[in-house]
């Protein structure tokens, strides 16, 4: 539900006079504001008194509000069990009513959060045939306007230290292209990020290479490397990698589930909140991970952070025998090269070779978009491609790397000039089919069948366009609908 609608409903219907007076007192509103619900609504969503109230909360309550801000949706009373616990025991859960099980939970959240004016509370409308108690229908939401006033989500330490960062993890990964030795990957086969050359293109697994694929590979290796340790400590937690793969197969992603079931994302969120010179000890994650996941098990915090450092995702410093962590400034930043001439070499015969030991990751992505790549004498060679340059001319032509290539490589200069001469004069489609469908219902049926495909295009005047390998399936749809296909060829 929209937060403004929730706010209006709360102020008009769902707060009693005692609640309003308590909120006015906690937030420091003038007493007269309690007499007008419309005026109270405006005061509630203001920032008056919010910092003082948030500073008065327990550390666990602050962490919980960070979680509500992160998921940015309403939750029920049961959700607060991770913060306040519940009245009943797990053994009696199925023998108690909802109200019996969560009455103490509700009492604490109402006194500690609702009546302090930091949460919106409403009674959700339900169908007449749904038999639920009022407590079951209650929903709560943390206003995002209050987020900037939340105290820090983690307790940090301050050191002016450079720290130890394994930046060679990404560099070694690039050397995989030419057969360089790799750190054993903990990823299952279906999550392969192997870098390879296929038909002149650079691939990461089954996708064309992008620099951010390297970061995803790092994170996924971090996930997978802690999986065994997590299972040993928490027996019931499913493999994160397999779970992520299953979710991707179902084409389903839920922000709340992602946060609650992914300790790596929780760790990254905690580290992203650090300020300059601040560092985080692994055991400082204990409260945050337990509240964010809603599980009371002891997670291997040290192993989680150490694995992140080993895979080049975190920076580490050791002070008085204790390890502290923070995020690197820019994982893809590479200071080893300042000029394209330091990682691109043009041989006397015009051959362009790339130095994978020094080339910035983003520069490799750009070069892969304009050149045909191949392995030559244990190195990576780049040959200008008129098709690739034509496809990317407007996006790369002003970059310093492409400008350097035009200036120093006769092959790239000639190919670029040819692409510019042909720009806008020819559009060639291969393996493309165009069909005209006069029956509107049939056209809608076909469009729905390919709604998620980027290769299927609906055109004006009853026409559609699609690759020729779609033809058998489309033909079957047409014939099943009782229509016939008439073929036409261009002469």
Protein backbone atom coordinates (compact mmCIF):
# COMPACT_ATOMS: atom_id res chain seq x y z
CA UNK A 1 0.00 0.00 0.00
CA UNK A 2 1.15 3.55 -0.74
CA UNK A 3 2.75 5.07 2.35
CA UNK A 4 0.78 8.33 2.12
CA UNK A 5 -2.48 6.37 2.10
CA UNK A 6 -1.27 4.37 5.11
CA UNK A 7 -0.33 7.58 6.95
CA UNK A 8 -3.73 9.16 6.31
CA UNK A 9 -5.58 6.01 7.40
CA UNK A 10 -3.51 5.73 10.58
CA UNK A 11 -4.10 9.32 11.63
CA UNK A 12 -7.80 9.22 10.80
CA UNK A 13 -8.84 5.75 12.00
CA UNK A 14 -6.18 3.55 13.56
CA UNK A 15 -4.71 5.62 16.40
CA UNK A 16 -6.73 6.23 19.55
CA UNK A 17 -6.42 9.42 21.58
CA UNK A 18 -3.98 7.83 24.01
CA UNK A 19 -1.72 6.81 21.10
CA UNK A 20 -1.76 10.32 19.64
CA UNK A 21 -0.94 11.93 23.00
CA UNK A 22 1.93 9.47 23.56
CA UNK A 23 3.37 10.21 20.10
CA UNK A 24 3.08 13.98 20.64
CA UNK A 25 4.93 13.64 23.94
CA UNK A 26 7.69 11.41 22.48
CA UNK A 27 8.26 13.57 19.41
CA UNK A 28 7.84 16.91 21.23
CA UNK A 29 4.78 18.08 19.31
CA UNK A 30 2.68 20.87 20.90
CA UNK A 31 -0.16 19.36 22.94
CA UNK A 32 -2.78 21.18 20.88
CA UNK A 33 -1.75 19.21 17.77
CA UNK A 34 -3.39 16.16 19.30
CA UNK A 35 -6.81 17.78 18.89
CA UNK A 36 -6.70 17.86 15.07
CA UNK A 37 -5.91 14.62 13.21
CA UNK A 38 -5.18 16.53 9.96
CA UNK A 39 -2.62 18.74 11.69
CA UNK A 40 -1.21 15.74 13.55
CA UNK A 41 -0.69 13.94 10.22
CA UNK A 42 1.51 16.80 8.95
CA UNK A 43 3.51 16.88 12.19
CA UNK A 44 3.98 13.10 12.23
CA UNK A 45 5.69 12.91 8.83
CA UNK A 46 7.87 15.95 9.63
CA UNK A 47 11.34 15.48 11.12
CA UNK A 48 10.45 17.21 14.37
CA UNK A 49 11.86 15.19 17.26
CA UNK A 50 12.68 12.18 15.10
CA UNK A 51 16.45 12.26 15.71
CA UNK A 52 16.02 12.41 19.48
CA UNK A 53 13.55 9.51 19.46
CA UNK A 54 15.71 7.32 17.21
CA UNK A 55 18.76 8.02 19.36
CA UNK A 56 16.82 6.81 22.41
CA UNK A 57 16.15 3.35 20.94
CA UNK A 58 18.14 0.22 21.75
CA UNK A 59 20.80 -0.87 19.29
CA UNK A 60 18.68 -3.89 18.29
CA UNK A 61 15.71 -1.63 17.55
CA UNK A 62 17.89 0.64 15.39
CA UNK A 63 19.14 -2.35 13.39
CA UNK A 64 15.54 -3.54 12.93
CA UNK A 65 14.47 -0.12 11.59
CA UNK A 66 17.39 -0.24 9.14
CA UNK A 67 15.95 -3.54 7.92
CA UNK A 68 12.46 -2.04 7.49
CA UNK A 69 13.96 0.87 5.59
CA UNK A 70 15.89 -1.51 3.36
CA UNK A 71 12.90 -3.69 2.42
CA UNK A 72 10.67 -0.59 2.10
CA UNK A 73 7.33 -2.33 2.56
CA UNK A 74 4.75 -2.96 5.28
CA UNK A 75 5.11 -5.94 7.64
CA UNK A 76 2.88 -7.72 10.13
CA UNK A 77 3.22 -8.29 13.88
CA UNK A 78 4.91 -11.65 13.32
CA UNK A 79 7.80 -9.92 11.58
CA UNK A 80 8.78 -8.26 14.88
CA UNK A 81 9.45 -11.63 16.48
CA UNK A 82 13.06 -11.37 15.31
CA UNK A 83 13.36 -8.23 17.44
CA UNK A 84 11.22 -8.88 20.51
CA UNK A 85 10.61 -12.61 20.44
CA UNK A 86 7.12 -14.00 21.08
CA UNK A 87 4.95 -15.03 24.01
CA UNK A 88 4.67 -18.72 23.26
CA UNK A 89 7.20 -21.46 22.70
CA UNK A 90 7.91 -23.15 19.39
CA UNK A 91 6.45 -26.38 20.77
CA UNK A 92 3.09 -24.74 21.49
CA UNK A 93 2.89 -22.71 18.28
CA UNK A 94 0.20 -24.89 16.68
CA UNK A 95 -1.87 -24.99 19.89
CA UNK A 96 -1.98 -21.23 20.51
CA UNK A 97 -3.98 -18.51 18.81
CA UNK A 98 -2.17 -15.80 16.87
CA UNK A 99 -3.00 -13.28 19.61
CA UNK A 100 -1.71 -15.56 22.35
CA UNK A 101 1.56 -16.17 20.53
CA UNK A 102 2.29 -12.53 19.64
CA UNK A 103 0.61 -10.54 22.43
CA UNK A 104 3.92 -9.67 24.13
CA UNK A 105 5.53 -8.90 20.78
CA UNK A 106 2.76 -6.45 19.96
CA UNK A 107 2.88 -4.88 23.41
CA UNK A 108 6.60 -4.14 23.07
CA UNK A 109 6.46 -2.83 19.51
CA UNK A 110 3.50 -0.57 20.33
CA UNK A 111 5.15 0.96 23.41
CA UNK A 112 8.70 1.13 22.05
CA UNK A 113 8.12 2.08 18.41
CA UNK A 114 4.52 3.01 17.55
CA UNK A 115 3.94 5.30 20.52
CA UNK A 116 7.32 6.90 19.99
CA UNK A 117 6.20 8.00 16.54
CA UNK A 118 8.66 6.09 14.37
CA UNK A 119 6.28 3.61 12.71
CA UNK A 120 3.05 3.90 10.74
CA UNK A 121 0.39 1.43 11.90
CA UNK A 122 -2.85 0.54 10.12
CA UNK A 123 -5.48 -2.18 10.19
CA UNK A 124 -5.55 -3.83 6.80
CA UNK A 125 -8.89 -4.36 5.11
CA UNK A 126 -9.83 -7.97 4.37
CA UNK A 127 -12.70 -9.77 2.69
CA UNK A 128 -15.72 -10.56 4.83
CA UNK A 129 -15.17 -14.29 4.46
CA UNK A 130 -11.62 -14.09 5.91
CA UNK A 131 -11.69 -14.98 9.60
CA UNK A 132 -8.77 -13.09 11.14
CA UNK A 133 -8.20 -11.15 14.37
CA UNK A 134 -7.43 -7.46 14.44
CA UNK A 135 -3.85 -8.20 15.46
CA UNK A 136 -3.39 -10.37 12.38
CA UNK A 137 -4.62 -7.51 10.21
CA UNK A 138 -2.22 -4.91 11.61
CA UNK A 139 0.51 -3.67 9.28
CA UNK A 140 3.53 -1.49 10.05
CA UNK A 141 5.86 0.63 7.95
CA UNK A 142 8.94 2.76 8.58
CA UNK A 143 8.70 6.12 6.73
CA UNK A 144 11.72 6.59 4.41
CA UNK A 145 11.76 10.28 5.40
CA UNK A 146 13.16 9.19 8.78
CA UNK A 147 15.99 7.07 7.37
CA UNK A 148 18.63 9.82 7.36
CA UNK A 149 18.24 10.21 11.12
CA UNK A 150 18.83 6.55 12.00
CA UNK A 151 21.95 5.92 14.11
CA UNK A 152 24.61 3.69 12.45
CA UNK A 153 23.55 0.13 11.74
CA UNK A 154 26.90 -1.28 12.92
CA UNK A 155 29.41 -0.39 15.61
CA UNK A 156 32.71 0.52 14.01
CA UNK A 157 36.34 1.25 14.90
CA UNK A 158 38.44 4.06 13.44
CA UNK A 159 41.96 3.57 12.07
CA UNK A 160 43.98 5.61 9.61
CA UNK A 161 45.41 2.52 7.91
CA UNK A 162 45.69 1.61 4.23
CA UNK A 163 44.75 -2.02 4.74
CA UNK A 164 45.51 -5.10 2.64
CA UNK A 165 43.57 -5.50 -0.61
CA UNK A 166 43.99 -8.47 -2.97
CA UNK A 167 43.57 -6.56 -6.23
CA UNK A 168 45.36 -9.33 -8.15
CA UNK A 169 42.28 -11.55 -7.89
CA UNK A 170 40.63 -9.69 -10.78
CA UNK A 171 43.90 -9.33 -12.68
CA UNK A 172 44.58 -13.06 -12.51
CA UNK A 173 41.05 -13.67 -13.76
CA UNK A 174 41.79 -11.69 -16.94
CA UNK A 175 44.87 -13.82 -17.57
CA UNK A 176 42.52 -16.81 -17.86
CA UNK A 177 41.86 -15.61 -21.42
CA UNK A 178 45.35 -16.65 -22.48
CA UNK A 179 45.55 -19.75 -20.29
CA UNK A 180 46.84 -18.21 -17.06
CA UNK A 181 46.67 -20.31 -13.90
CA UNK A 182 43.50 -19.70 -11.92
CA UNK A 183 42.48 -19.99 -8.29
CA UNK A 184 40.15 -23.02 -8.01
CA UNK A 185 36.56 -21.86 -8.42
CA UNK A 186 33.98 -22.94 -5.84
CA UNK A 187 31.13 -22.28 -8.29
CA UNK A 188 28.95 -25.04 -9.74
CA UNK A 189 29.07 -25.59 -13.50
CA UNK A 190 25.81 -23.76 -14.18
CA UNK A 191 27.36 -20.57 -12.76
CA UNK A 192 30.49 -20.59 -14.91
CA UNK A 193 32.27 -17.28 -15.52
CA UNK A 194 35.08 -18.74 -17.62
CA UNK A 195 36.68 -16.08 -19.86
CA UNK A 196 37.15 -17.28 -23.42
CA UNK A 197 37.28 -16.14 -27.04
CA UNK A 198 34.49 -17.41 -29.33
CA UNK A 199 34.34 -16.30 -32.95
CA UNK A 200 36.29 -13.14 -32.19
CA UNK A 201 34.15 -12.14 -29.19
CA UNK A 202 35.20 -12.19 -25.54
CA UNK A 203 32.79 -14.16 -23.38
CA UNK A 204 32.28 -14.51 -19.65
CA UNK A 205 30.59 -17.88 -19.38
CA UNK A 206 27.79 -17.72 -21.95
CA UNK A 207 27.50 -13.92 -21.99
CA UNK A 208 29.54 -11.33 -23.85
CA UNK A 209 32.11 -9.80 -21.53
CA UNK A 210 31.30 -6.78 -19.40
CA UNK A 211 33.65 -5.40 -16.75
CA UNK A 212 30.95 -5.72 -14.09
CA UNK A 213 30.83 -9.48 -14.78
CA UNK A 214 34.12 -9.65 -12.91
CA UNK A 215 32.52 -8.17 -9.80
CA UNK A 216 29.62 -10.60 -10.07
CA UNK A 217 32.09 -13.47 -10.41
CA UNK A 218 33.92 -12.28 -7.29
CA UNK A 219 30.72 -12.00 -5.27
CA UNK A 220 29.46 -15.40 -6.43
CA UNK A 221 32.77 -17.02 -5.51
CA UNK A 222 32.53 -15.38 -2.11
CA UNK A 223 29.00 -16.76 -1.72
CA UNK A 224 30.02 -20.26 -2.74
CA UNK A 225 33.21 -20.35 -0.67
CA UNK A 226 31.33 -19.82 2.60
CA UNK A 227 28.62 -22.31 1.67
CA UNK A 228 30.29 -25.36 3.22
CA UNK A 229 31.05 -23.51 6.43
CA UNK A 230 27.50 -22.19 6.61
CA UNK A 231 26.07 -25.70 6.20
CA UNK A 232 28.35 -27.04 8.91
CA UNK A 233 27.16 -24.36 11.34
CA UNK A 234 23.52 -24.05 10.32
CA UNK A 235 22.55 -27.45 8.91
CA UNK A 236 19.30 -26.26 7.32
CA UNK A 237 20.57 -23.37 5.19
CA UNK A 238 20.35 -24.20 1.50
CA UNK A 239 23.33 -23.65 -0.77
CA UNK A 240 23.25 -19.96 -1.66
CA UNK A 241 24.50 -20.60 -5.17
CA UNK A 242 22.00 -23.36 -5.91
CA UNK A 243 19.23 -21.26 -4.41
CA UNK A 244 20.16 -18.25 -6.54
CA UNK A 245 20.25 -20.48 -9.61
CA UNK A 246 16.81 -21.93 -8.85
CA UNK A 247 15.38 -18.44 -8.37
CA UNK A 248 16.86 -17.27 -11.66
CA UNK A 249 15.39 -20.30 -13.36
CA UNK A 250 11.97 -19.35 -11.98
CA UNK A 251 12.52 -15.76 -13.20
CA UNK A 252 11.64 -14.59 -9.68
CA UNK A 253 13.34 -12.13 -7.41
CA UNK A 254 12.05 -10.73 -4.14
CA UNK A 255 13.97 -7.99 -2.35
CA UNK A 256 12.83 -9.08 1.10
CA UNK A 257 13.88 -12.71 0.52
CA UNK A 258 17.20 -11.56 -0.95
CA UNK A 259 18.03 -9.53 2.15
CA UNK A 260 16.80 -12.06 4.69
CA UNK A 261 18.51 -15.13 3.24
CA UNK A 262 21.77 -13.72 1.98
CA UNK A 263 24.44 -13.04 4.59
CA UNK A 264 26.79 -11.65 1.95
CA UNK A 265 24.30 -8.94 0.96
CA UNK A 266 23.81 -8.10 4.64
CA UNK A 267 27.58 -7.85 5.13
CA UNK A 268 27.96 -5.61 2.08
CA UNK A 269 25.12 -3.39 3.27
CA UNK A 270 26.78 -3.02 6.68
CA UNK A 271 30.14 -2.17 5.11
CA UNK A 272 28.54 0.33 2.73
CA UNK A 273 27.48 2.39 5.76
CA UNK A 274 31.06 2.99 6.93
CA UNK A 275 32.53 6.48 6.81
CA UNK A 276 36.13 7.53 6.15
CA UNK A 277 38.70 5.65 8.24
CA UNK A 278 35.98 3.42 9.75
CA UNK A 279 36.52 -0.34 9.90
CA UNK A 280 34.25 -3.19 10.89
CA UNK A 281 35.16 -6.19 13.02
CA UNK A 282 33.50 -9.42 11.92
CA UNK A 283 31.81 -9.99 15.28
CA UNK A 284 30.10 -6.60 14.91
CA UNK A 285 27.85 -8.26 12.31
CA UNK A 286 26.29 -10.62 14.86
CA UNK A 287 23.23 -8.56 15.84
CA UNK A 288 22.63 -7.29 12.34
CA UNK A 289 22.74 -10.69 10.65
CA UNK A 290 20.49 -12.28 13.26
CA UNK A 291 17.87 -9.53 12.93
CA UNK A 292 18.09 -9.28 9.14
CA UNK A 293 17.83 -13.05 8.66
CA UNK A 294 15.39 -13.64 11.48
CA UNK A 295 17.44 -16.68 12.57
CA UNK A 296 19.11 -17.01 15.96
CA UNK A 297 21.91 -19.37 14.87
CA UNK A 298 25.55 -18.38 15.28
CA UNK A 299 26.85 -17.55 11.82
CA UNK A 300 30.57 -17.91 10.98
CA UNK A 301 31.15 -14.12 10.89
CA UNK A 302 34.94 -14.36 10.79
CA UNK A 303 34.83 -16.84 7.93
CA UNK A 304 32.35 -14.70 5.98
CA UNK A 305 34.61 -11.63 6.13
CA UNK A 306 37.85 -13.54 5.62
CA UNK A 307 36.45 -15.24 2.51
CA UNK A 308 35.40 -11.83 1.19
CA UNK A 309 38.95 -10.60 1.63
CA UNK A 310 40.44 -13.72 0.00
CA UNK A 311 38.31 -13.13 -3.12
CA UNK A 312 39.25 -9.45 -3.37
CA UNK A 313 35.84 -8.13 -2.27
CA UNK A 314 37.02 -6.59 1.01
CA UNK A 315 40.01 -4.72 2.41
CA UNK A 316 41.50 -6.01 5.67
CA UNK A 317 43.62 -4.48 8.42
CA UNK A 318 44.88 -6.25 11.55
CA UNK A 319 45.15 -4.17 14.73
CA UNK A 320 46.29 -5.73 18.02
CA UNK A 321 45.79 -9.18 16.56
CA UNK A 322 42.18 -8.53 15.49
CA UNK A 323 41.00 -8.26 11.87
CA UNK A 324 38.83 -5.37 10.65
CA UNK A 325 37.27 -4.92 7.22
CA UNK A 326 35.93 -2.30 4.80
CA UNK A 327 34.96 -2.07 1.12
CA UNK A 328 37.55 -1.10 -1.51
CA UNK A 329 37.06 2.37 -2.99
CA UNK A 330 36.47 1.11 -6.53
CA UNK A 331 36.94 -2.60 -7.29
CA UNK A 332 37.46 -1.93 -11.00
CA UNK A 333 39.82 1.01 -10.53
CA UNK A 334 43.26 0.29 -11.99
CA UNK A 335 46.09 2.71 -11.33
CA UNK A 336 48.81 0.70 -13.07
CA UNK A 337 48.07 2.34 -16.44
CA UNK A 338 47.44 5.98 -17.22
CA UNK A 339 47.83 5.94 -21.01
CA UNK A 340 46.55 3.46 -23.64
CA UNK A 341 50.12 3.20 -24.90
CA UNK A 342 51.06 1.38 -21.71
CA UNK A 343 48.75 -1.58 -22.36
CA UNK A 344 48.13 -1.42 -26.15
CA UNK A 345 51.02 -2.09 -28.51
CA UNK A 346 50.94 -1.57 -32.28
CA UNK A 347 53.49 -3.84 -33.96
CA UNK A 348 55.41 -2.77 -37.09
CA UNK A 349 53.12 -4.97 -39.21
CA UNK A 350 50.06 -3.15 -37.81
CA UNK A 351 49.05 -5.91 -35.38
CA UNK A 352 47.47 -4.58 -32.18
CA UNK A 353 48.25 -6.58 -29.01
CA UNK A 354 46.80 -6.07 -25.54
CA UNK A 355 48.75 -6.42 -22.30
CA UNK A 356 46.38 -8.29 -19.98
CA UNK A 357 48.71 -7.74 -17.03
CA UNK A 358 48.08 -3.99 -17.15
CA UNK A 359 44.95 -3.22 -19.18
CA UNK A 360 42.12 -1.64 -17.15
CA UNK A 361 39.06 -3.88 -16.99
CA UNK A 362 36.77 -1.25 -18.49
CA UNK A 363 39.24 -0.66 -21.33
CA UNK A 364 39.12 -4.36 -22.20
CA UNK A 365 35.31 -4.18 -22.34
CA UNK A 366 35.50 -1.22 -24.75
CA UNK A 367 38.09 -2.91 -26.98
CA UNK A 368 36.03 -6.11 -27.09
CA UNK A 369 33.13 -4.02 -28.41
CA UNK A 370 35.09 -2.68 -31.44
CA UNK A 371 37.55 -5.45 -32.29
CA UNK A 372 37.80 -9.08 -33.29
CA UNK A 373 39.91 -10.78 -30.62
CA UNK A 374 42.12 -13.85 -30.92
CA UNK A 375 45.00 -15.51 -29.09
CA UNK A 376 48.35 -14.95 -30.87
CA UNK A 377 51.76 -16.00 -29.51
CA UNK A 378 50.32 -16.44 -25.99
CA UNK A 379 48.92 -12.92 -26.10
CA UNK A 380 45.64 -11.25 -26.95
CA UNK A 381 45.41 -9.68 -30.40
CA UNK A 382 42.78 -7.13 -31.52
CA UNK A 383 41.72 -6.54 -35.14
CA UNK A 384 39.38 -3.69 -36.06
CA UNK A 385 35.85 -4.85 -36.96
CA UNK A 386 33.79 -2.60 -39.22
CA UNK A 387 30.55 -4.19 -37.98
CA UNK A 388 31.40 -3.69 -34.31
CA UNK A 389 32.71 -0.18 -34.86
CA UNK A 390 29.57 0.66 -36.83
CA UNK A 391 27.40 -0.58 -33.98
CA UNK A 392 29.26 1.39 -31.30
CA UNK A 393 30.56 4.41 -33.24
CA UNK A 394 28.42 6.99 -31.46
CA UNK A 395 29.31 5.69 -27.99
CA UNK A 396 33.09 5.11 -28.28
CA UNK A 397 34.30 7.71 -30.79
CA UNK A 398 34.89 10.40 -28.13
CA UNK A 399 36.75 8.12 -25.73
CA UNK A 400 40.49 8.56 -25.25
CA UNK A 401 41.23 4.86 -25.90
CA UNK A 402 39.45 4.81 -29.27
CA UNK A 403 41.05 8.15 -30.20
CA UNK A 404 44.46 6.68 -29.38
CA UNK A 405 43.75 3.64 -31.60
CA UNK A 406 42.73 5.83 -34.57
CA UNK A 407 45.86 7.90 -34.17
CA UNK A 408 48.33 5.03 -33.73
CA UNK A 409 46.81 2.05 -35.59
CA UNK A 410 46.43 2.24 -39.40
CA UNK A 411 44.00 -0.68 -39.29
CA UNK A 412 41.63 0.97 -36.81
CA UNK A 413 41.95 4.34 -38.55
CA UNK A 414 41.05 2.93 -41.98
CA UNK A 415 38.20 0.79 -40.65
CA UNK A 416 36.73 3.72 -38.71
CA UNK A 417 36.86 6.00 -41.76
CA UNK A 418 35.06 3.32 -43.78
CA UNK A 419 32.40 2.92 -41.06
CA UNK A 420 31.85 6.69 -40.99
CA UNK A 421 31.43 6.79 -44.79
CA UNK A 422 28.79 4.06 -44.65
CA UNK A 423 27.07 5.40 -41.54
CA UNK A 424 23.31 5.62 -42.06
CA UNK A 425 23.40 4.31 -45.64
CA UNK A 426 22.88 0.60 -45.13
CA UNK A 427 20.94 -1.52 -42.69
CA UNK A 428 21.40 -5.24 -43.23
CA UNK A 429 19.42 -7.87 -41.36
CA UNK A 430 20.35 -11.52 -41.62
CA UNK A 431 18.03 -14.43 -40.88
CA UNK A 432 15.11 -12.04 -40.35
CA UNK A 433 11.52 -12.80 -41.25
CA UNK A 434 8.61 -10.36 -41.58
CA UNK A 435 4.96 -11.43 -41.43
CA UNK A 436 1.68 -9.62 -41.90
CA UNK A 437 -1.21 -10.79 -39.69
CA UNK A 438 -4.59 -9.32 -40.59
CA UNK A 439 -6.47 -11.16 -37.83
CA UNK A 440 -6.12 -9.01 -34.69
CA UNK A 441 -6.81 -11.81 -32.20
CA UNK A 442 -4.14 -14.02 -33.81
CA UNK A 443 -1.60 -11.19 -33.72
CA UNK A 444 -2.32 -10.56 -30.03
CA UNK A 445 -1.95 -14.28 -29.30
CA UNK A 446 1.45 -14.40 -31.00
CA UNK A 447 2.62 -11.19 -29.30
CA UNK A 448 1.70 -12.61 -25.89
CA UNK A 449 3.65 -15.78 -26.63
CA UNK A 450 6.81 -13.72 -27.20
CA UNK A 451 6.19 -10.90 -24.71
CA UNK A 452 9.51 -11.51 -22.92
CA UNK A 453 11.64 -11.87 -26.07
CA UNK A 454 13.83 -9.02 -27.29
CA UNK A 455 14.14 -10.74 -30.68
CA UNK A 456 10.43 -10.42 -31.45
CA UNK A 457 9.24 -6.99 -32.67
CA UNK A 458 5.68 -5.81 -33.29
CA UNK A 459 5.55 -3.40 -36.25
CA UNK A 460 2.85 -0.96 -37.48
CA UNK A 461 0.19 -1.96 -40.04
CA UNK A 462 -0.31 -5.56 -38.88
CA UNK A 463 3.35 -6.58 -39.33
CA UNK A 464 5.70 -8.46 -37.01
CA UNK A 465 9.42 -9.26 -37.33
CA UNK A 466 11.29 -12.19 -35.84
CA UNK A 467 14.39 -14.39 -36.41
CA UNK A 468 13.81 -17.31 -38.74
CA UNK A 469 14.32 -19.87 -35.95
CA UNK A 470 11.02 -18.63 -34.44
CA UNK A 471 9.13 -19.74 -37.57
CA UNK A 472 8.28 -23.35 -36.57
CA UNK A 473 6.67 -22.26 -33.28
CA UNK A 474 4.78 -19.35 -34.91
CA UNK A 475 3.64 -21.61 -37.73
CA UNK A 476 2.25 -24.07 -35.19
CA UNK A 477 0.36 -21.27 -33.41
CA UNK A 478 -1.15 -20.08 -36.69
CA UNK A 479 -2.23 -23.55 -37.79
CA UNK A 480 -3.66 -24.39 -34.35
CA UNK A 481 -5.80 -21.27 -34.59
CA UNK A 482 -7.26 -22.45 -37.89
CA UNK A 483 -5.38 -20.03 -40.14
CA UNK A 484 -3.06 -20.62 -43.07
CA UNK A 485 0.30 -19.14 -44.00
CA UNK A 486 0.92 -17.53 -47.37
CA UNK A 487 4.60 -17.13 -48.25
CA UNK A 488 5.98 -14.24 -50.27
CA UNK A 489 9.55 -13.77 -51.53
CA UNK A 490 11.31 -10.56 -52.49
CA UNK A 491 12.54 -10.54 -56.09
